[in-house]
Amino acid sequence: MARSESKRTQRTVILLGVVIGFIGYFFWALQSEEVFRIVSKKLEQTEAGVIVSGEVHNTTTSASAVNVEVTLFNQRGQKLSEETVTLANVQAGSTVPFRTQPKQLIDVKDYTIYVNTGRNMYGN
């Protein structure tokens, strides 16, 4: 009976170790997937119009081009405008600013920012 308890405890410890290892790997993989990170962002209502600005940080070890796609929405969630800001040569480990052109819009309440690094190895 003592031997059965020992085997059960050993299996539980091994299973727990595998689960903890998988969870750790999962979170590591999620963090390493994001190669460009938005580190600051701001929506401004100026006399010239609505502007979205911020900074993008390159977490990779090589320089790369990136498109920052900004979409503006009204209070009902309807898309009002879209703009792509191209950052040609973002050096490894650097942080660079981006800024959209002023848009003469009145009812802007929300926005999204998507960092597009191009197609992945699967063609998506």
PDB file of N, CA and C in Angstrom:
ATOM      1  N   MET A   1       0.811  -1.186   0.000  1.00  0.00           N
ATOM      2  CA  MET A   1       0.000   0.000   0.000  1.00  0.00           C
ATOM      3  C   MET A   1       0.862   1.261   0.000  1.00  0.00           C
ATOM      4  N   ALA A   2       1.968   1.259   0.748  1.00  0.00           N
ATOM      5  CA  ALA A   2       2.865   2.402   0.797  1.00  0.00           C
ATOM      6  C   ALA A   2       3.507   2.632  -0.566  1.00  0.00           C
ATOM      7  N   ARG A   3       3.795   1.532  -1.257  1.00  0.00           N
ATOM      8  CA  ARG A   3       4.400   1.645  -2.577  1.00  0.00           C
ATOM      9  C   ARG A   3       3.424   2.291  -3.564  1.00  0.00           C
ATOM     10  N   SER A   4       2.149   1.959  -3.481  1.00  0.00           N
ATOM     11  CA  SER A   4       1.121   2.525  -4.340  1.00  0.00           C
ATOM     12  C   SER A   4       0.984   4.031  -4.104  1.00  0.00           C
ATOM     13  N   GLU A   5       1.020   4.445  -2.849  1.00  0.00           N
ATOM     14  CA  GLU A   5       0.957   5.864  -2.507  1.00  0.00           C
ATOM     15  C   GLU A   5       2.161   6.603  -3.074  1.00  0.00           C
ATOM     16  N   SER A   6       3.342   6.001  -2.987  1.00  0.00           N
ATOM     17  CA  SER A   6       4.565   6.611  -3.480  1.00  0.00           C
ATOM     18  C   SER A   6       4.508   6.818  -4.990  1.00  0.00           C
ATOM     19  N   LYS A   7       4.014   5.815  -5.726  1.00  0.00           N
ATOM     20  CA  LYS A   7       3.904   5.925  -7.184  1.00  0.00           C
ATOM     21  C   LYS A   7       2.886   6.998  -7.568  1.00  0.00           C
ATOM     22  N   ARG A   8       1.790   7.057  -6.854  1.00  0.00           N
ATOM     23  CA  ARG A   8       0.752   8.048  -7.130  1.00  0.00           C
ATOM     24  C   ARG A   8       1.292   9.461  -6.889  1.00  0.00           C
ATOM     25  N   THR A   9       2.025   9.650  -5.811  1.00  0.00           N
ATOM     26  CA  THR A   9       2.627  10.946  -5.499  1.00  0.00           C
ATOM     27  C   THR A   9       3.651  11.323  -6.563  1.00  0.00           C
ATOM     28  N   GLN A  10       4.440  10.350  -6.987  1.00  0.00           N
ATOM     29  CA  GLN A  10       5.452  10.595  -8.010  1.00  0.00           C
ATOM     30  C   GLN A  10       4.792  11.001  -9.338  1.00  0.00           C
ATOM     31  N   ARG A  11       3.739  10.311  -9.739  1.00  0.00           N
ATOM     32  CA  ARG A  11       3.019  10.656 -10.968  1.00  0.00           C
ATOM     33  C   ARG A  11       2.409  12.052 -10.882  1.00  0.00           C
ATOM     34  N   THR A  12       1.867  12.387  -9.727  1.00  0.00           N
ATOM     35  CA  THR A  12       1.271  13.713  -9.541  1.00  0.00           C
ATOM     36  C   THR A  12       2.319  14.805  -9.669  1.00  0.00           C
ATOM     37  N   VAL A  13       3.482  14.598  -9.076  1.00  0.00           N
ATOM     38  CA  VAL A  13       4.564  15.587  -9.151  1.00  0.00           C
ATOM     39  C   VAL A  13       5.041  15.738 -10.589  1.00  0.00           C
ATOM     40  N   ILE A  14       5.193  14.649 -11.316  1.00  0.00           N
ATOM     41  CA  ILE A  14       5.636  14.701 -12.714  1.00  0.00           C
ATOM     42  C   ILE A  14       4.598  15.422 -13.569  1.00  0.00           C
ATOM     43  N   LEU A  15       3.341  15.090 -13.390  1.00  0.00           N
ATOM     44  CA  LEU A  15       2.272  15.737 -14.152  1.00  0.00           C
ATOM     45  C   LEU A  15       2.228  17.235 -13.850  1.00  0.00           C
ATOM     46  N   LEU A  16       2.354  17.596 -12.593  1.00  0.00           N
ATOM     47  CA  LEU A  16       2.361  18.997 -12.199  1.00  0.00           C
ATOM     48  C   LEU A  16       3.547  19.727 -12.838  1.00  0.00           C
ATOM     49  N   GLY A  17       4.709  19.101 -12.868  1.00  0.00           N
ATOM     50  CA  GLY A  17       5.883  19.689 -13.511  1.00  0.00           C
ATOM     51  C   GLY A  17       5.668  19.913 -14.999  1.00  0.00           C
ATOM     52  N   VAL A  18       5.048  18.951 -15.669  1.00  0.00           N
ATOM     53  CA  VAL A  18       4.764  19.076 -17.100  1.00  0.00           C
ATOM     54  C   VAL A  18       3.783  20.227 -17.350  1.00  0.00           C
ATOM     55  N   VAL A  19       2.741  20.317 -16.545  1.00  0.00           N
ATOM     56  CA  VAL A  19       1.750  21.382 -16.707  1.00  0.00           C
ATOM     57  C   VAL A  19       2.386  22.749 -16.481  1.00  0.00           C
ATOM     58  N   ILE A  20       3.187  22.893 -15.432  1.00  0.00           N
ATOM     59  CA  ILE A  20       3.857  24.167 -15.154  1.00  0.00           C
ATOM     60  C   ILE A  20       4.824  24.519 -16.286  1.00  0.00           C
ATOM     61  N   GLY A  21       5.544  23.524 -16.792  1.00  0.00           N
ATOM     62  CA  GLY A  21       6.449  23.753 -17.921  1.00  0.00           C
ATOM     63  C   GLY A  21       5.708  24.220 -19.162  1.00  0.00           C
ATOM     64  N   PHE A  22       4.565  23.606 -19.452  1.00  0.00           N
ATOM     65  CA  PHE A  22       3.765  23.999 -20.613  1.00  0.00           C
ATOM     66  C   PHE A  22       3.248  25.427 -20.466  1.00  0.00           C
ATOM     67  N   ILE A  23       2.748  25.768 -19.302  1.00  0.00           N
ATOM     68  CA  ILE A  23       2.230  27.118 -19.069  1.00  0.00           C
ATOM     69  C   ILE A  23       3.358  28.144 -19.204  1.00  0.00           C
ATOM     70  N   GLY A  24       4.516  27.846 -18.655  1.00  0.00           N
ATOM     71  CA  GLY A  24       5.658  28.745 -18.796  1.00  0.00           C
ATOM     72  C   GLY A  24       6.050  28.939 -20.251  1.00  0.00           C
ATOM     73  N   TYR A  25       6.109  27.847 -21.009  1.00  0.00           N
ATOM     74  CA  TYR A  25       6.431  27.934 -22.428  1.00  0.00           C
ATOM     75  C   TYR A  25       5.393  28.749 -23.179  1.00  0.00           C
ATOM     76  N   PHE A  26       4.134  28.550 -22.864  1.00  0.00           N
ATOM     77  CA  PHE A  26       3.039  29.257 -23.531  1.00  0.00           C
ATOM     78  C   PHE A  26       3.199  30.772 -23.368  1.00  0.00           C
ATOM     79  N   PHE A  27       3.449  31.237 -22.147  1.00  0.00           N
ATOM     80  CA  PHE A  27       3.611  32.671 -21.919  1.00  0.00           C
ATOM     81  C   PHE A  27       4.889  33.199 -22.557  1.00  0.00           C
ATOM     82  N   TRP A  28       5.954  32.429 -22.552  1.00  0.00           N
ATOM     83  CA  TRP A  28       7.187  32.836 -23.220  1.00  0.00           C
ATOM     84  C   TRP A  28       6.947  32.983 -24.724  1.00  0.00           C
ATOM     85  N   ALA A  29       6.245  32.036 -25.323  1.00  0.00           N
ATOM     86  CA  ALA A  29       5.972  32.069 -26.757  1.00  0.00           C
ATOM     87  C   ALA A  29       5.105  33.275 -27.125  1.00  0.00           C
ATOM     88  N   LEU A  30       4.135  33.607 -26.291  1.00  0.00           N
ATOM     89  CA  LEU A  30       3.297  34.772 -26.567  1.00  0.00           C
ATOM     90  C   LEU A  30       4.116  36.053 -26.546  1.00  0.00           C
ATOM     91  N   GLN A  31       5.011  36.203 -25.602  1.00  0.00           N
ATOM     92  CA  GLN A  31       5.826  37.415 -25.514  1.00  0.00           C
ATOM     93  C   GLN A  31       6.836  37.498 -26.648  1.00  0.00           C
ATOM     94  N   SER A  32       7.429  36.405 -27.035  1.00  0.00           N
ATOM     95  CA  SER A  32       8.439  36.447 -28.082  1.00  0.00           C
ATOM     96  C   SER A  32       7.813  36.628 -29.462  1.00  0.00           C
ATOM     97  N   GLU A  33       6.517  36.422 -29.598  1.00  0.00           N
ATOM     98  CA  GLU A  33       5.827  36.574 -30.875  1.00  0.00           C
ATOM     99  C   GLU A  33       5.679  38.041 -31.269  1.00  0.00           C
ATOM    100  N   GLU A  34       5.530  38.914 -30.302  1.00  0.00           N
ATOM    101  CA  GLU A  34       5.317  40.332 -30.577  1.00  0.00           C
ATOM    102  C   GLU A  34       6.666  41.000 -30.843  1.00  0.00           C
ATOM    103  N   VAL A  35       6.986  41.224 -32.134  1.00  0.00           N
ATOM    104  CA  VAL A  35       8.292  41.767 -32.479  1.00  0.00           C
ATOM    105  C   VAL A  35       8.311  43.292 -32.461  1.00  0.00           C
ATOM    106  N   PHE A  36       7.185  43.928 -32.703  1.00  0.00           N
ATOM    107  CA  PHE A  36       7.060  45.374 -32.603  1.00  0.00           C
ATOM    108  C   PHE A  36       5.990  45.681 -31.567  1.00  0.00           C
ATOM    109  N   ARG A  37       6.306  46.596 -30.672  1.00  0.00           N
ATOM    110  CA  ARG A  37       5.400  46.912 -29.577  1.00  0.00           C
ATOM    111  C   ARG A  37       5.081  48.402 -29.598  1.00  0.00           C
ATOM    112  N   ILE A  38       3.809  48.756 -29.458  1.00  0.00           N
ATOM    113  CA  ILE A  38       3.407  50.158 -29.301  1.00  0.00           C
ATOM    114  C   ILE A  38       3.696  50.526 -27.851  1.00  0.00           C
ATOM    115  N   VAL A  39       4.611  51.474 -27.626  1.00  0.00           N
ATOM    116  CA  VAL A  39       4.984  51.828 -26.252  1.00  0.00           C
ATOM    117  C   VAL A  39       4.289  53.093 -25.770  1.00  0.00           C
ATOM    118  N   SER A  40       3.775  53.899 -26.690  1.00  0.00           N
ATOM    119  CA  SER A  40       2.960  55.048 -26.306  1.00  0.00           C
ATOM    120  C   SER A  40       2.020  55.371 -27.453  1.00  0.00           C
ATOM    121  N   LYS A  41       0.885  55.966 -27.114  1.00  0.00           N
ATOM    122  CA  LYS A  41      -0.096  56.338 -28.139  1.00  0.00           C
ATOM    123  C   LYS A  41      -0.953  57.467 -27.604  1.00  0.00           C
ATOM    124  N   LYS A  42      -1.411  58.331 -28.532  1.00  0.00           N
ATOM    125  CA  LYS A  42      -2.215  59.469 -28.116  1.00  0.00           C
ATOM    126  C   LYS A  42      -3.119  59.911 -29.257  1.00  0.00           C
ATOM    127  N   LEU A  43      -4.375  60.201 -28.935  1.00  0.00           N
ATOM    128  CA  LEU A  43      -5.338  60.767 -29.876  1.00  0.00           C
ATOM    129  C   LEU A  43      -5.461  62.253 -29.544  1.00  0.00           C
ATOM    130  N   GLU A  44      -5.192  63.111 -30.531  1.00  0.00           N
ATOM    131  CA  GLU A  44      -5.226  64.555 -30.310  1.00  0.00           C
ATOM    132  C   GLU A  44      -6.260  65.215 -31.218  1.00  0.00           C
ATOM    133  N   GLN A  45      -7.034  66.124 -30.659  1.00  0.00           N
ATOM    134  CA  GLN A  45      -7.944  66.963 -31.434  1.00  0.00           C
ATOM    135  C   GLN A  45      -7.249  68.316 -31.576  1.00  0.00           C
ATOM    136  N   THR A  46      -6.724  68.632 -32.756  1.00  0.00           N
ATOM    137  CA  THR A  46      -6.025  69.893 -32.982  1.00  0.00           C
ATOM    138  C   THR A  46      -6.835  70.764 -33.936  1.00  0.00           C
ATOM    139  N   GLU A  47      -6.394  72.000 -34.142  1.00  0.00           N
ATOM    140  CA  GLU A  47      -7.066  72.884 -35.097  1.00  0.00           C
ATOM    141  C   GLU A  47      -6.964  72.337 -36.510  1.00  0.00           C
ATOM    142  N   ALA A  48      -5.872  71.650 -36.801  1.00  0.00           N
ATOM    143  CA  ALA A  48      -5.674  71.073 -38.136  1.00  0.00           C
ATOM    144  C   ALA A  48      -6.517  69.816 -38.351  1.00  0.00           C
ATOM    145  N   GLY A  49      -6.933  69.176 -37.263  1.00  0.00           N
ATOM    146  CA  GLY A  49      -7.733  67.965 -37.352  1.00  0.00           C
ATOM    147  C   GLY A  49      -7.322  66.947 -36.302  1.00  0.00           C
ATOM    148  N   VAL A  50      -7.842  65.738 -36.441  1.00  0.00           N
ATOM    149  CA  VAL A  50      -7.558  64.649 -35.506  1.00  0.00           C
ATOM    150  C   VAL A  50      -6.256  63.975 -35.903  1.00  0.00           C
ATOM    151  N   ILE A  51      -5.386  63.764 -34.907  1.00  0.00           N
ATOM    152  CA  ILE A  51      -4.078  63.148 -35.140  1.00  0.00           C
ATOM    153  C   ILE A  51      -3.882  62.026 -34.120  1.00  0.00           C
ATOM    154  N   VAL A  52      -3.351  60.895 -34.578  1.00  0.00           N
ATOM    155  CA  VAL A  52      -2.927  59.824 -33.678  1.00  0.00           C
ATOM    156  C   VAL A  52      -1.415  59.758 -33.768  1.00  0.00           C
ATOM    157  N   SER A  53      -0.766  59.769 -32.608  1.00  0.00           N
ATOM    158  CA  SER A  53       0.694  59.703 -32.582  1.00  0.00           C
ATOM    159  C   SER A  53       1.128  58.717 -31.509  1.00  0.00           C
ATOM    160  N   GLY A  54       2.397  58.348 -31.561  1.00  0.00           N
ATOM    161  CA  GLY A  54       2.923  57.429 -30.558  1.00  0.00           C
ATOM    162  C   GLY A  54       4.307  56.971 -30.924  1.00  0.00           C
ATOM    163  N   GLU A  55       4.713  55.861 -30.299  1.00  0.00           N
ATOM    164  CA  GLU A  55       6.036  55.301 -30.542  1.00  0.00           C
ATOM    165  C   GLU A  55       5.951  53.787 -30.693  1.00  0.00           C
ATOM    166  N   VAL A  56       6.783  53.254 -31.587  1.00  0.00           N
ATOM    167  CA  VAL A  56       6.880  51.816 -31.838  1.00  0.00           C
ATOM    168  C   VAL A  56       8.276  51.361 -31.433  1.00  0.00           C
ATOM    169  N   HIS A  57       8.343  50.247 -30.697  1.00  0.00           N
ATOM    170  CA  HIS A  57       9.630  49.690 -30.266  1.00  0.00           C
ATOM    171  C   HIS A  57       9.892  48.376 -30.997  1.00  0.00           C
ATOM    172  N   ASN A  58      11.080  48.242 -31.593  1.00  0.00           N
ATOM    173  CA  ASN A  58      11.498  47.030 -32.298  1.00  0.00           C
ATOM    174  C   ASN A  58      12.213  46.121 -31.294  1.00  0.00           C
ATOM    175  N   THR A  59      11.626  44.966 -30.973  1.00  0.00           N
ATOM    176  CA  THR A  59      12.212  44.045 -29.991  1.00  0.00           C
ATOM    177  C   THR A  59      13.114  42.995 -30.633  1.00  0.00           C
ATOM    178  N   THR A  60      13.261  43.042 -31.960  1.00  0.00           N
ATOM    179  CA  THR A  60      14.071  42.033 -32.642  1.00  0.00           C
ATOM    180  C   THR A  60      15.547  42.422 -32.642  1.00  0.00           C
ATOM    181  N   THR A  61      16.362  41.577 -33.261  1.00  0.00           N
ATOM    182  CA  THR A  61      17.800  41.821 -33.338  1.00  0.00           C
ATOM    183  C   THR A  61      18.226  42.327 -34.711  1.00  0.00           C
ATOM    184  N   SER A  62      17.254  42.717 -35.544  1.00  0.00           N
ATOM    185  CA  SER A  62      17.601  43.241 -36.865  1.00  0.00           C
ATOM    186  C   SER A  62      16.679  44.406 -37.219  1.00  0.00           C
ATOM    187  N   ALA A  63      17.158  45.249 -38.130  1.00  0.00           N
ATOM    188  CA  ALA A  63      16.367  46.388 -38.600  1.00  0.00           C
ATOM    189  C   ALA A  63      15.262  45.881 -39.512  1.00  0.00           C
ATOM    190  N   SER A  64      14.152  46.601 -39.537  1.00  0.00           N
ATOM    191  CA  SER A  64      13.031  46.158 -40.347  1.00  0.00           C
ATOM    192  C   SER A  64      12.110  47.329 -40.666  1.00  0.00           C
ATOM    193  N   ALA A  65      11.382  47.198 -41.760  1.00  0.00           N
ATOM    194  CA  ALA A  65      10.337  48.156 -42.103  1.00  0.00           C
ATOM    195  C   ALA A  65       9.025  47.675 -41.496  1.00  0.00           C
ATOM    196  N   VAL A  66       8.166  48.616 -41.168  1.00  0.00           N
ATOM    197  CA  VAL A  66       6.897  48.262 -40.556  1.00  0.00           C
ATOM    198  C   VAL A  66       5.836  49.290 -40.953  1.00  0.00           C
ATOM    199  N   ASN A  67       4.597  48.842 -41.078  1.00  0.00           N
ATOM    200  CA  ASN A  67       3.467  49.730 -41.336  1.00  0.00           C
ATOM    201  C   ASN A  67       2.621  49.821 -40.078  1.00  0.00           C
ATOM    202  N   VAL A  68       2.319  51.046 -39.661  1.00  0.00           N
ATOM    203  CA  VAL A  68       1.441  51.275 -38.523  1.00  0.00           C
ATOM    204  C   VAL A  68       0.094  51.681 -39.106  1.00  0.00           C
ATOM    205  N   GLU A  69      -0.906  50.817 -38.922  1.00  0.00           N
ATOM    206  CA  GLU A  69      -2.232  51.055 -39.487  1.00  0.00           C
ATOM    207  C   GLU A  69      -3.151  51.592 -38.391  1.00  0.00           C
ATOM    208  N   VAL A  70      -3.666  52.803 -38.603  1.00  0.00           N
ATOM    209  CA  VAL A  70      -4.510  53.476 -37.620  1.00  0.00           C
ATOM    210  C   VAL A  70      -5.921  53.601 -38.191  1.00  0.00           C
ATOM    211  N   THR A  71      -6.915  53.186 -37.409  1.00  0.00           N
ATOM    212  CA  THR A  71      -8.318  53.291 -37.800  1.00  0.00           C
ATOM    213  C   THR A  71      -9.054  54.113 -36.753  1.00  0.00           C
ATOM    214  N   LEU A  72      -9.845  55.079 -37.216  1.00  0.00           N
ATOM    215  CA  LEU A  72     -10.615  55.955 -36.328  1.00  0.00           C
ATOM    216  C   LEU A  72     -12.087  55.574 -36.371  1.00  0.00           C
ATOM    217  N   PHE A  73     -12.748  55.611 -35.201  1.00  0.00           N
ATOM    218  CA  PHE A  73     -14.152  55.223 -35.076  1.00  0.00           C
ATOM    219  C   PHE A  73     -14.959  56.315 -34.385  1.00  0.00           C
ATOM    220  N   ASN A  74     -16.266  56.364 -34.676  1.00  0.00           N
ATOM    221  CA  ASN A  74     -17.147  57.285 -33.959  1.00  0.00           C
ATOM    222  C   ASN A  74     -17.720  56.600 -32.728  1.00  0.00           C
ATOM    223  N   GLN A  75     -18.599  57.284 -32.007  1.00  0.00           N
ATOM    224  CA  GLN A  75     -19.132  56.730 -30.756  1.00  0.00           C
ATOM    225  C   GLN A  75     -20.008  55.506 -30.959  1.00  0.00           C
ATOM    226  N   ARG A  76     -20.521  55.288 -32.171  1.00  0.00           N
ATOM    227  CA  ARG A  76     -21.325  54.091 -32.473  1.00  0.00           C
ATOM    228  C   ARG A  76     -20.470  52.932 -32.981  1.00  0.00           C
ATOM    229  N   GLY A  77     -19.148  53.144 -33.055  1.00  0.00           N
ATOM    230  CA  GLY A  77     -18.240  52.091 -33.503  1.00  0.00           C
ATOM    231  C   GLY A  77     -18.085  52.004 -35.009  1.00  0.00           C
ATOM    232  N   GLN A  78     -18.607  52.977 -35.728  1.00  0.00           N
ATOM    233  CA  GLN A  78     -18.485  52.974 -37.184  1.00  0.00           C
ATOM    234  C   GLN A  78     -17.126  53.545 -37.590  1.00  0.00           C
ATOM    235  N   LYS A  79     -16.510  52.911 -38.588  1.00  0.00           N
ATOM    236  CA  LYS A  79     -15.200  53.347 -39.060  1.00  0.00           C
ATOM    237  C   LYS A  79     -15.336  54.683 -39.794  1.00  0.00           C
ATOM    238  N   LEU A  80     -14.524  55.660 -39.395  1.00  0.00           N
ATOM    239  CA  LEU A  80     -14.540  56.973 -40.026  1.00  0.00           C
ATOM    240  C   LEU A  80     -13.383  57.167 -40.990  1.00  0.00           C
ATOM    241  N   SER A  81     -12.226  56.610 -40.647  1.00  0.00           N
ATOM    242  CA  SER A  81     -11.027  56.847 -41.445  1.00  0.00           C
ATOM    243  C   SER A  81      -9.986  55.777 -41.159  1.00  0.00           C
ATOM    244  N   GLU A  82      -9.129  55.559 -42.156  1.00  0.00           N
ATOM    245  CA  GLU A  82      -7.998  54.637 -42.017  1.00  0.00           C
ATOM    246  C   GLU A  82      -6.764  55.303 -42.596  1.00  0.00           C
ATOM    247  N   GLU A  83      -5.625  55.069 -41.982  1.00  0.00           N
ATOM    248  CA  GLU A  83      -4.373  55.584 -42.519  1.00  0.00           C
ATOM    249  C   GLU A  83      -3.244  54.633 -42.156  1.00  0.00           C
ATOM    250  N   THR A  84      -2.293  54.491 -43.066  1.00  0.00           N
ATOM    251  CA  THR A  84      -1.107  53.680 -42.826  1.00  0.00           C
ATOM    252  C   THR A  84       0.113  54.580 -42.817  1.00  0.00           C
ATOM    253  N   VAL A  85       0.883  54.488 -41.733  1.00  0.00           N
ATOM    254  CA  VAL A  85       2.136  55.225 -41.609  1.00  0.00           C
ATOM    255  C   VAL A  85       3.264  54.215 -41.787  1.00  0.00           C
ATOM    256  N   THR A  86       4.108  54.417 -42.792  1.00  0.00           N
ATOM    257  CA  THR A  86       5.215  53.500 -43.068  1.00  0.00           C
ATOM    258  C   THR A  86       6.476  53.996 -42.380  1.00  0.00           C
ATOM    259  N   LEU A  87       7.063  53.111 -41.590  1.00  0.00           N
ATOM    260  CA  LEU A  87       8.344  53.388 -40.937  1.00  0.00           C
ATOM    261  C   LEU A  87       9.370  52.519 -41.649  1.00  0.00           C
ATOM    262  N   ALA A  88      10.249  53.139 -42.426  1.00  0.00           N
ATOM    263  CA  ALA A  88      11.100  52.420 -43.368  1.00  0.00           C
ATOM    264  C   ALA A  88      12.201  51.580 -42.730  1.00  0.00           C
ATOM    265  N   ASN A  89      12.897  52.082 -41.733  1.00  0.00           N
ATOM    266  CA  ASN A  89      14.065  51.368 -41.238  1.00  0.00           C
ATOM    267  C   ASN A  89      14.123  51.493 -39.714  1.00  0.00           C
ATOM    268  N   VAL A  90      13.395  50.634 -39.029  1.00  0.00           N
ATOM    269  CA  VAL A  90      13.372  50.665 -37.564  1.00  0.00           C
ATOM    270  C   VAL A  90      14.506  49.761 -37.076  1.00  0.00           C
ATOM    271  N   GLN A  91      15.522  50.369 -36.491  1.00  0.00           N
ATOM    272  CA  GLN A  91      16.699  49.629 -36.044  1.00  0.00           C
ATOM    273  C   GLN A  91      16.369  48.694 -34.880  1.00  0.00           C
ATOM    274  N   ALA A  92      17.131  47.629 -34.757  1.00  0.00           N
ATOM    275  CA  ALA A  92      16.951  46.657 -33.679  1.00  0.00           C
ATOM    276  C   ALA A  92      17.061  47.339 -32.327  1.00  0.00           C
ATOM    277  N   GLY A  93      16.097  47.095 -31.465  1.00  0.00           N
ATOM    278  CA  GLY A  93      16.113  47.634 -30.118  1.00  0.00           C
ATOM    279  C   GLY A  93      15.747  49.098 -30.004  1.00  0.00           C
ATOM    280  N   SER A  94      15.427  49.744 -31.115  1.00  0.00           N
ATOM    281  CA  SER A  94      15.138  51.181 -31.054  1.00  0.00           C
ATOM    282  C   SER A  94      13.640  51.454 -30.949  1.00  0.00           C
ATOM    283  N   THR A  95      13.339  52.670 -30.543  1.00  0.00           N
ATOM    284  CA  THR A  95      11.969  53.156 -30.449  1.00  0.00           C
ATOM    285  C   THR A  95      11.858  54.360 -31.361  1.00  0.00           C
ATOM    286  N   VAL A  96      10.867  54.334 -32.275  1.00  0.00           N
ATOM    287  CA  VAL A  96      10.695  55.439 -33.224  1.00  0.00           C
ATOM    288  C   VAL A  96       9.273  55.990 -33.135  1.00  0.00           C
ATOM    289  N   PRO A  97       9.126  57.296 -33.377  1.00  0.00           N
ATOM    290  CA  PRO A  97       7.793  57.904 -33.321  1.00  0.00           C
ATOM    291  C   PRO A  97       7.020  57.694 -34.617  1.00  0.00           C
ATOM    292  N   PHE A  98       5.687  57.751 -34.515  1.00  0.00           N
ATOM    293  CA  PHE A  98       4.828  57.778 -35.688  1.00  0.00           C
ATOM    294  C   PHE A  98       3.757  58.830 -35.460  1.00  0.00           C
ATOM    295  N   ARG A  99       3.183  59.330 -36.567  1.00  0.00           N
ATOM    296  CA  ARG A  99       2.159  60.371 -36.473  1.00  0.00           C
ATOM    297  C   ARG A  99       1.325  60.341 -37.751  1.00  0.00           C
ATOM    298  N   THR A 100       0.016  60.327 -37.604  1.00  0.00           N
ATOM    299  CA  THR A 100      -0.862  60.353 -38.769  1.00  0.00           C
ATOM    300  C   THR A 100      -1.027  61.779 -39.266  1.00  0.00           C
ATOM    301  N   GLN A 101      -1.507  61.903 -40.473  1.00  0.00           N
ATOM    302  CA  GLN A 101      -1.842  63.214 -41.027  1.00  0.00           C
ATOM    303  C   GLN A 101      -3.133  63.710 -40.369  1.00  0.00           C
ATOM    304  N   PRO A 102      -3.285  65.023 -40.189  1.00  0.00           N
ATOM    305  CA  PRO A 102      -4.526  65.541 -39.597  1.00  0.00           C
ATOM    306  C   PRO A 102      -5.737  65.225 -40.470  1.00  0.00           C
ATOM    307  N   LYS A 103      -6.807  64.806 -39.825  1.00  0.00           N
ATOM    308  CA  LYS A 103      -8.062  64.496 -40.530  1.00  0.00           C
ATOM    309  C   LYS A 103      -9.151  65.400 -39.967  1.00  0.00           C
ATOM    310  N   GLN A 104      -9.894  66.055 -40.830  1.00  0.00           N
ATOM    311  CA  GLN A 104     -10.995  66.922 -40.413  1.00  0.00           C
ATOM    312  C   GLN A 104     -12.228  66.068 -40.109  1.00  0.00           C
ATOM    313  N   LEU A 105     -12.255  65.512 -38.898  1.00  0.00           N
ATOM    314  CA  LEU A 105     -13.362  64.672 -38.439  1.00  0.00           C
ATOM    315  C   LEU A 105     -13.876  65.234 -37.121  1.00  0.00           C
ATOM    316  N   ILE A 106     -15.170  65.134 -36.910  1.00  0.00           N
ATOM    317  CA  ILE A 106     -15.775  65.726 -35.722  1.00  0.00           C
ATOM    318  C   ILE A 106     -16.043  64.699 -34.629  1.00  0.00           C
ATOM    319  N   ASP A 107     -16.541  63.556 -34.986  1.00  0.00           N
ATOM    320  CA  ASP A 107     -17.107  62.604 -34.023  1.00  0.00           C
ATOM    321  C   ASP A 107     -16.160  61.452 -33.681  1.00  0.00           C
ATOM    322  N   VAL A 108     -14.855  61.665 -33.603  1.00  0.00           N
ATOM    323  CA  VAL A 108     -13.911  60.589 -33.307  1.00  0.00           C
ATOM    324  C   VAL A 108     -13.925  60.308 -31.807  1.00  0.00           C
ATOM    325  N   LYS A 109     -14.238  59.062 -31.446  1.00  0.00           N
ATOM    326  CA  LYS A 109     -14.291  58.672 -30.036  1.00  0.00           C
ATOM    327  C   LYS A 109     -13.311  57.558 -29.690  1.00  0.00           C
ATOM    328  N   ASP A 110     -12.851  56.799 -30.691  1.00  0.00           N
ATOM    329  CA  ASP A 110     -11.975  55.663 -30.415  1.00  0.00           C
ATOM    330  C   ASP A 110     -11.089  55.413 -31.632  1.00  0.00           C
ATOM    331  N   TYR A 111     -10.054  54.600 -31.434  1.00  0.00           N
ATOM    332  CA  TYR A 111      -9.150  54.267 -32.518  1.00  0.00           C
ATOM    333  C   TYR A 111      -8.459  52.942 -32.221  1.00  0.00           C
ATOM    334  N   THR A 112      -7.943  52.317 -33.275  1.00  0.00           N
ATOM    335  CA  THR A 112      -7.129  51.120 -33.117  1.00  0.00           C
ATOM    336  C   THR A 112      -5.809  51.342 -33.844  1.00  0.00           C
ATOM    337  N   ILE A 113      -4.789  50.657 -33.355  1.00  0.00           N
ATOM    338  CA  ILE A 113      -3.476  50.693 -33.999  1.00  0.00           C
ATOM    339  C   ILE A 113      -3.046  49.250 -34.230  1.00  0.00           C
ATOM    340  N   TYR A 114      -2.688  48.945 -35.465  1.00  0.00           N
ATOM    341  CA  TYR A 114      -2.213  47.607 -35.821  1.00  0.00           C
ATOM    342  C   TYR A 114      -0.838  47.749 -36.453  1.00  0.00           C
ATOM    343  N   VAL A 115       0.136  47.028 -35.940  1.00  0.00           N
ATOM    344  CA  VAL A 115       1.486  47.057 -36.492  1.00  0.00           C
ATOM    345  C   VAL A 115       1.615  45.888 -37.460  1.00  0.00           C
ATOM    346  N   ASN A 116       1.754  46.212 -38.739  1.00  0.00           N
ATOM    347  CA  ASN A 116       1.805  45.204 -39.788  1.00  0.00           C
ATOM    348  C   ASN A 116       3.242  45.035 -40.247  1.00  0.00           C
ATOM    349  N   THR A 117       3.793  43.847 -40.016  1.00  0.00           N
ATOM    350  CA  THR A 117       5.179  43.566 -40.411  1.00  0.00           C
ATOM    351  C   THR A 117       5.264  42.788 -41.712  1.00  0.00           C
ATOM    352  N   GLY A 118       4.155  42.644 -42.401  1.00  0.00           N
ATOM    353  CA  GLY A 118       4.141  41.922 -43.673  1.00  0.00           C
ATOM    354  C   GLY A 118       3.663  40.501 -43.480  1.00  0.00           C
ATOM    355  N   ARG A 119       3.782  39.730 -44.523  1.00  0.00           N
ATOM    356  CA  ARG A 119       3.307  38.347 -44.503  1.00  0.00           C
ATOM    357  C   ARG A 119       4.205  37.475 -43.630  1.00  0.00           C
ATOM    358  N   ASN A 120       3.570  36.493 -42.980  1.00  0.00           N
ATOM    359  CA  ASN A 120       4.354  35.539 -42.187  1.00  0.00           C
ATOM    360  C   ASN A 120       4.764  34.364 -43.069  1.00  0.00           C
ATOM    361  N   MET A 121       5.426  33.378 -42.485  1.00  0.00           N
ATOM    362  CA  MET A 121       5.932  32.255 -43.282  1.00  0.00           C
ATOM    363  C   MET A 121       4.822  31.401 -43.871  1.00  0.00           C
ATOM    364  N   TYR A 122       3.588  31.597 -43.417  1.00  0.00           N
ATOM    365  CA  TYR A 122       2.453  30.835 -43.942  1.00  0.00           C
ATOM    366  C   TYR A 122       1.729  31.599 -45.046  1.00  0.00           C
ATOM    367  N   GLY A 123       2.186  32.807 -45.368  1.00  0.00           N
ATOM    368  CA  GLY A 123       1.576  33.588 -46.430  1.00  0.00           C
ATOM    369  C   GLY A 123       0.409  34.432 -45.965  1.00  0.00           C
ATOM    370  N   ASN A 124       0.186  34.534 -44.663  1.00  0.00           N
ATOM    371  CA  ASN A 124      -0.926  35.326 -44.131  1.00  0.00           C
ATOM    372  C   ASN A 124      -0.505  36.756 -43.894  1.00  0.00           C
TER     373      ASN A 124
END
